[in-house]
Amino acid sequence: MAIFALIGPKGLYLLFAWLLSAAIGSWVSDRKGYGERLGLAFGLLLTVVGLAIVLLLPGRPGSAWKLEGPLPKRRGR
């Protein structure tokens, strides 16, 4: 019989923080022109510190970060 309730809420919150930092790091690094893999690697290996590193990277010339800004503009219909 397997027991699954040993992790607890703290472990679940840490898991969510780990996954969110990887996803957000991947999205931000892609917008900055470095590709998704760099942000994913930083987010998975260094968690929240990796996300901070990706946010501190400068945007490459011609990237969506430089052309549109940090957040994409909403497209009208």
Protein backbone atom coordinates (compact mmCIF):
# COMPACT_ATOMS: atom_id res chain seq x y z
CA MET A 1 0.00 0.00 0.00
CA ALA A 2 1.47 3.34 -1.06
CA ILE A 3 1.18 6.42 1.14
CA PHE A 4 0.95 9.66 -0.85
CA ALA A 5 0.08 12.17 1.89
CA LEU A 6 3.59 12.44 3.33
CA ILE A 7 4.64 15.43 1.22
CA GLY A 8 2.34 17.94 2.85
CA PRO A 9 1.32 21.43 1.78
CA LYS A 10 4.82 22.95 1.98
CA GLY A 11 6.16 20.42 -0.48
CA LEU A 12 3.26 21.07 -2.81
CA TYR A 13 3.85 24.84 -2.69
CA LEU A 14 7.56 24.32 -3.38
CA LEU A 15 6.69 22.10 -6.34
CA PHE A 16 4.39 24.78 -7.75
CA ALA A 17 7.08 27.46 -7.27
CA TRP A 18 9.60 25.22 -9.06
CA LEU A 19 7.30 24.58 -12.01
CA LEU A 20 6.16 28.21 -12.30
CA SER A 21 9.72 29.53 -12.24
CA ALA A 22 10.65 27.12 -15.04
CA ALA A 23 7.63 28.12 -17.16
CA ILE A 24 8.01 31.87 -16.61
CA GLY A 25 11.79 31.69 -17.13
CA SER A 26 11.27 29.88 -20.41
CA TRP A 27 8.75 32.47 -21.63
CA VAL A 28 10.88 35.46 -20.60
CA SER A 29 14.10 34.12 -22.11
CA ASP A 30 12.29 33.40 -25.38
CA ARG A 31 10.98 36.99 -25.48
CA LYS A 32 14.48 38.30 -24.76
CA GLY A 33 15.84 36.41 -27.77
CA TYR A 34 17.79 33.63 -26.03
CA GLY A 35 15.41 30.76 -26.77
CA GLU A 36 13.20 28.80 -24.44
CA ARG A 37 15.80 26.25 -23.37
CA LEU A 38 17.99 28.70 -21.49
CA GLY A 39 15.15 29.94 -19.30
CA LEU A 40 13.84 26.44 -18.79
CA ALA A 41 17.26 25.22 -17.66
CA PHE A 42 17.75 28.15 -15.27
CA GLY A 43 14.23 27.72 -13.90
CA LEU A 44 14.55 23.98 -13.36
CA LEU A 45 18.07 23.96 -11.95
CA LEU A 46 18.09 27.13 -9.86
CA THR A 47 14.36 27.62 -9.23
CA VAL A 48 13.49 31.19 -8.17
CA VAL A 49 17.14 32.34 -8.34
CA GLY A 50 17.26 31.12 -11.95
CA LEU A 51 14.16 33.13 -12.76
CA ALA A 52 15.83 36.23 -11.29
CA ILE A 53 18.92 35.59 -13.44
CA VAL A 54 16.78 35.33 -16.58
CA LEU A 55 15.02 38.57 -15.69
CA LEU A 56 18.39 40.33 -15.31
CA LEU A 57 19.67 39.20 -18.74
CA PRO A 58 19.65 42.02 -21.30
CA GLY A 59 17.35 41.66 -24.28
CA ARG A 60 19.01 40.94 -27.61
CA PRO A 61 18.64 43.46 -30.43
CA GLY A 62 15.56 42.71 -32.50
CA SER A 63 13.95 40.53 -29.85
CA ALA A 64 10.31 40.85 -28.83
CA TRP A 65 11.50 42.24 -25.49
CA LYS A 66 13.26 45.15 -27.24
CA LEU A 67 10.57 45.76 -29.88
CA GLU A 68 7.35 45.38 -27.85
CA GLY A 69 8.53 45.79 -24.28
CA PRO A 70 8.39 43.34 -21.35
CA LEU A 71 4.73 42.40 -21.84
CA PRO A 72 3.19 41.69 -25.25
CA LYS A 73 0.55 44.04 -26.49
CA ARG A 74 -2.98 42.69 -26.72
CA ARG A 75 -4.17 42.29 -30.26
CA GLY A 76 -7.56 43.76 -31.16
CA ARG A 77 -10.01 41.94 -33.38
